[in-house]
Amino acid sequence: VILMNEASKKVKNKLYEQKKIYLSIIITIALGIISGIIYNLILSKSDHTLITNQLNSFFDAIKKNDINYIPMLFNSLIGNLSLVILIWLLGISIIGLPLIYILCFGKGFLLSFSIISILTTYKFKGIILAVCYLIPGPIILLLYLIFLGFSSAFFSKKLFSYLFLKQDISLRHSMKRYLQVLLVSVVVAASCSLFDTFFMPNFLKLFLL
């Protein structure tokens, strides 16, 4: 009975720790989203004009089918893969834990800044354009970032416990699972880039005619 109680206590503590990490990642991304909205709203008129011109050029290119798909795919792959691989690497660096949260914050910030820019520029029509922009790549990547951020932060803490607190942890098993996270991350990031390059512009075009 005592052993069962100890095992149950360990499981509860582990679940509680995982819940705290998940919640902290979600809150960090949410703060990034809020900050992106606030930053957009306090921009100067000249900055808003610059953003409007960039958005008009982007949507005009889609409308006229004047898109260079290969460079667009390459840039998207570089951005998405760099993000997920960097977060993954920070998970095995021990000291990279704060940077994991900074990157999650930054992704939430950039996404919300882009969305609010579309909404403030195109008003009611911007709602449709923003939804089209989000589906499916950016929203999938953002949701996956919650899982990746958790996995990296959790592994970083586990590695710290193993190296410095001398806790009994199956490091080989944990590393194997963490490598699987890297593989999934690369697949998700690449898939989102493909959607963003080939699906999103054509989907947006339906509402730009």
Protein backbone atom coordinates (compact mmCIF):
# COMPACT_ATOMS: atom_id res chain seq x y z
CA VAL A 1 0.00 0.00 0.00
CA ILE A 2 2.86 2.36 0.89
CA LEU A 3 4.55 1.65 -2.46
CA MET A 4 1.29 2.29 -4.31
CA ASN A 5 0.80 5.57 -2.49
CA GLU A 6 4.36 6.64 -3.33
CA ALA A 7 3.89 5.69 -6.99
CA SER A 8 0.59 7.56 -7.10
CA LYS A 9 2.22 10.60 -5.51
CA LYS A 10 5.03 10.54 -8.10
CA VAL A 11 2.53 10.36 -10.97
CA LYS A 12 0.50 13.24 -9.52
CA ASN A 13 3.62 15.36 -9.05
CA LYS A 14 4.74 14.65 -12.62
CA LEU A 15 1.32 15.52 -14.04
CA TYR A 16 1.23 18.69 -11.97
CA GLU A 17 4.68 19.69 -13.24
CA GLN A 18 3.67 19.00 -16.86
CA LYS A 19 0.47 21.00 -16.40
CA LYS A 20 2.47 23.97 -15.08
CA ILE A 21 4.83 23.89 -18.07
CA TYR A 22 1.95 23.63 -20.57
CA LEU A 23 0.16 26.51 -18.87
CA SER A 24 3.30 28.66 -18.82
CA ILE A 25 3.85 28.11 -22.57
CA ILE A 26 0.21 28.95 -23.35
CA ILE A 27 0.36 32.10 -21.22
CA THR A 28 3.63 33.14 -22.90
CA ILE A 29 2.14 32.79 -26.39
CA ALA A 30 -1.03 34.60 -25.24
CA LEU A 31 1.08 37.48 -23.91
CA GLY A 32 2.86 37.60 -27.26
CA ILE A 33 -0.47 37.79 -29.06
CA ILE A 34 -1.70 40.59 -26.79
CA SER A 35 1.60 42.48 -27.18
CA GLY A 36 1.36 42.21 -30.98
CA ILE A 37 -2.11 43.74 -30.92
CA ILE A 38 -1.07 46.58 -28.60
CA TYR A 39 2.08 47.33 -30.60
CA ASN A 40 0.09 47.57 -33.83
CA LEU A 41 -2.41 49.94 -32.26
CA ILE A 42 0.26 52.36 -31.02
CA LEU A 43 2.18 52.57 -34.30
CA SER A 44 2.53 55.95 -35.93
CA LYS A 45 0.50 56.93 -38.98
CA SER A 46 3.56 56.64 -41.24
CA ASP A 47 4.20 53.09 -39.99
CA HIS A 48 0.58 52.15 -40.65
CA THR A 49 0.89 53.59 -44.16
CA LEU A 50 3.99 51.48 -44.78
CA ILE A 51 2.22 48.33 -43.55
CA THR A 52 -0.82 49.12 -45.71
CA ASN A 53 1.37 49.49 -48.79
CA GLN A 54 3.08 46.17 -48.08
CA LEU A 55 -0.26 44.40 -47.59
CA ASN A 56 -1.68 45.93 -50.78
CA SER A 57 1.37 44.75 -52.72
CA PHE A 58 1.04 41.25 -51.26
CA PHE A 59 -2.67 40.92 -52.02
CA ASP A 60 -2.30 42.51 -55.47
CA ALA A 61 0.36 39.94 -56.31
CA ILE A 62 -2.02 37.17 -55.26
CA LYS A 63 -4.90 38.69 -57.23
CA LYS A 64 -2.77 38.97 -60.38
CA ASN A 65 -1.25 35.52 -59.81
CA ASP A 66 2.14 37.21 -59.76
CA ILE A 67 3.70 34.96 -57.13
CA ASN A 68 7.13 33.36 -57.22
CA TYR A 69 6.24 30.12 -55.51
CA ILE A 70 9.75 28.67 -55.20
CA PRO A 71 11.32 31.66 -53.38
CA MET A 72 8.16 31.94 -51.26
CA LEU A 73 8.38 28.25 -50.31
CA PHE A 74 12.10 28.54 -49.59
CA ASN A 75 11.63 31.56 -47.30
CA SER A 76 8.75 29.87 -45.49
CA LEU A 77 10.74 26.68 -44.99
CA ILE A 78 13.72 28.61 -43.66
CA GLY A 79 11.51 30.50 -41.20
CA ASN A 80 9.46 27.54 -39.96
CA LEU A 81 12.28 25.00 -39.80
CA SER A 82 14.64 27.47 -38.12
CA LEU A 83 12.03 28.15 -35.44
CA VAL A 84 11.19 24.54 -34.55
CA ILE A 85 14.78 23.26 -34.79
CA LEU A 86 16.09 26.13 -32.65
CA ILE A 87 13.44 25.52 -29.96
CA TRP A 88 14.28 21.80 -30.05
CA LEU A 89 18.01 22.48 -29.70
CA LEU A 90 17.41 24.84 -26.79
CA GLY A 91 15.75 21.93 -25.00
CA ILE A 92 19.07 20.06 -24.84
CA SER A 93 21.14 23.10 -23.90
CA ILE A 94 19.83 23.35 -20.29
CA ILE A 95 20.50 27.11 -20.16
CA GLY A 96 18.23 27.66 -23.19
CA LEU A 97 14.99 27.43 -21.22
CA PRO A 98 14.33 31.22 -21.12
CA LEU A 99 14.96 31.46 -24.87
CA ILE A 100 12.27 28.82 -25.52
CA TYR A 101 9.75 31.14 -23.90
CA ILE A 102 11.11 34.16 -25.78
CA LEU A 103 10.69 32.37 -29.14
CA CYS A 104 7.15 31.28 -28.25
CA PHE A 105 6.35 34.86 -27.24
CA GLY A 106 7.84 36.15 -30.50
CA LYS A 107 5.78 33.79 -32.65
CA GLY A 108 2.56 34.86 -30.94
CA PHE A 109 3.59 38.50 -31.32
CA LEU A 110 4.32 38.26 -35.06
CA LEU A 111 1.16 36.32 -35.86
CA SER A 112 -1.15 38.68 -33.98
CA PHE A 113 0.64 41.71 -35.44
CA SER A 114 0.04 40.37 -38.95
CA ILE A 115 -3.62 39.60 -38.26
CA ILE A 116 -4.42 42.93 -36.61
CA SER A 117 -2.65 44.72 -39.49
CA ILE A 118 -4.97 43.00 -41.97
CA LEU A 119 -8.02 43.84 -39.82
CA THR A 120 -7.15 47.52 -39.34
CA THR A 121 -6.32 47.94 -43.03
CA TYR A 122 -9.31 46.18 -44.61
CA LYS A 123 -11.93 46.52 -41.84
CA PHE A 124 -14.84 44.08 -42.40
CA LYS A 125 -13.23 42.48 -45.46
CA GLY A 126 -10.14 42.02 -43.34
CA ILE A 127 -11.98 39.51 -41.14
CA ILE A 128 -12.37 37.17 -44.10
CA LEU A 129 -8.81 37.77 -45.28
CA ALA A 130 -7.42 37.21 -41.78
CA VAL A 131 -9.29 33.90 -41.42
CA CYS A 132 -8.02 32.78 -44.84
CA TYR A 133 -4.51 33.80 -43.86
CA LEU A 134 -4.67 31.75 -40.66
CA ILE A 135 -6.04 28.56 -42.25
CA PRO A 136 -4.43 26.13 -42.00
CA GLY A 137 -0.64 26.72 -41.80
CA PRO A 138 -0.15 29.53 -39.23
CA ILE A 139 -2.80 28.26 -36.81
CA ILE A 140 -1.51 24.67 -36.98
CA LEU A 141 2.08 25.82 -36.41
CA LEU A 142 1.03 28.01 -33.47
CA LEU A 143 -0.88 25.15 -31.83
CA TYR A 144 2.01 22.77 -32.45
CA LEU A 145 4.35 25.33 -30.91
CA ILE A 146 2.54 24.81 -27.59
CA PHE A 147 3.43 21.12 -27.70
CA LEU A 148 7.00 21.74 -28.91
CA GLY A 149 7.60 24.44 -26.31
CA PHE A 150 6.34 22.10 -23.60
CA SER A 151 8.46 19.19 -24.85
CA SER A 152 11.61 21.33 -25.00
CA ALA A 153 11.07 22.94 -21.61
CA PHE A 154 10.20 19.60 -20.00
CA PHE A 155 13.24 17.87 -21.49
CA SER A 156 15.50 20.75 -20.43
CA LYS A 157 14.27 20.44 -16.83
CA LYS A 158 14.65 16.66 -16.93
CA LEU A 159 18.22 16.98 -18.24
CA PHE A 160 19.05 19.49 -15.51
CA SER A 161 17.69 17.09 -12.87
CA TYR A 162 19.76 14.25 -14.28
CA LEU A 163 23.05 16.16 -14.53
CA PHE A 164 22.95 18.35 -11.44
CA LEU A 165 20.39 16.87 -9.05
CA LYS A 166 21.46 13.27 -9.79
CA GLN A 167 17.88 12.08 -10.22
CA ASP A 168 17.37 8.57 -11.55
CA ILE A 169 16.12 9.18 -15.11
CA SER A 170 16.27 6.97 -18.21
CA LEU A 171 18.12 9.50 -20.33
CA ARG A 172 18.40 7.19 -23.36
CA HIS A 173 14.64 6.62 -23.44
CA SER A 174 13.92 10.33 -22.95
CA MET A 175 16.37 11.28 -25.72
CA LYS A 176 14.79 8.76 -28.08
CA ARG A 177 11.37 10.29 -27.51
CA TYR A 178 12.81 13.79 -27.86
CA LEU A 179 14.33 12.85 -31.23
CA GLN A 180 10.86 11.73 -32.32
CA VAL A 181 9.61 15.20 -31.37
CA LEU A 182 12.26 16.68 -33.71
CA LEU A 183 11.11 14.45 -36.58
CA VAL A 184 7.46 15.43 -36.06
CA SER A 185 8.48 19.09 -35.77
CA VAL A 186 10.26 19.03 -39.13
CA VAL A 187 7.26 17.34 -40.80
CA VAL A 188 4.77 19.82 -39.30
CA ALA A 189 6.93 22.85 -40.17
CA ALA A 190 7.47 21.67 -43.76
CA SER A 191 3.77 20.84 -44.19
CA CYS A 192 2.76 24.29 -42.94
CA SER A 193 5.19 25.89 -45.40
CA LEU A 194 3.66 23.91 -48.27
CA PHE A 195 0.15 25.00 -47.22
CA ASP A 196 1.24 28.63 -46.83
CA THR A 197 2.86 28.64 -50.26
CA PHE A 198 0.41 26.74 -52.44
CA PHE A 199 -2.92 26.64 -50.59
CA MET A 200 -3.19 29.97 -48.78
CA PRO A 201 -2.63 32.30 -51.79
CA ASN A 202 -5.18 30.41 -53.91
CA PHE A 203 -7.65 30.35 -51.06
CA LEU A 204 -7.20 34.10 -50.50
CA LYS A 205 -7.69 34.71 -54.21
CA LEU A 206 -11.31 33.52 -53.92
CA PHE A 207 -12.07 36.53 -51.72
CA LEU A 208 -9.97 39.07 -53.59
CA LEU A 209 -11.82 38.88 -56.89
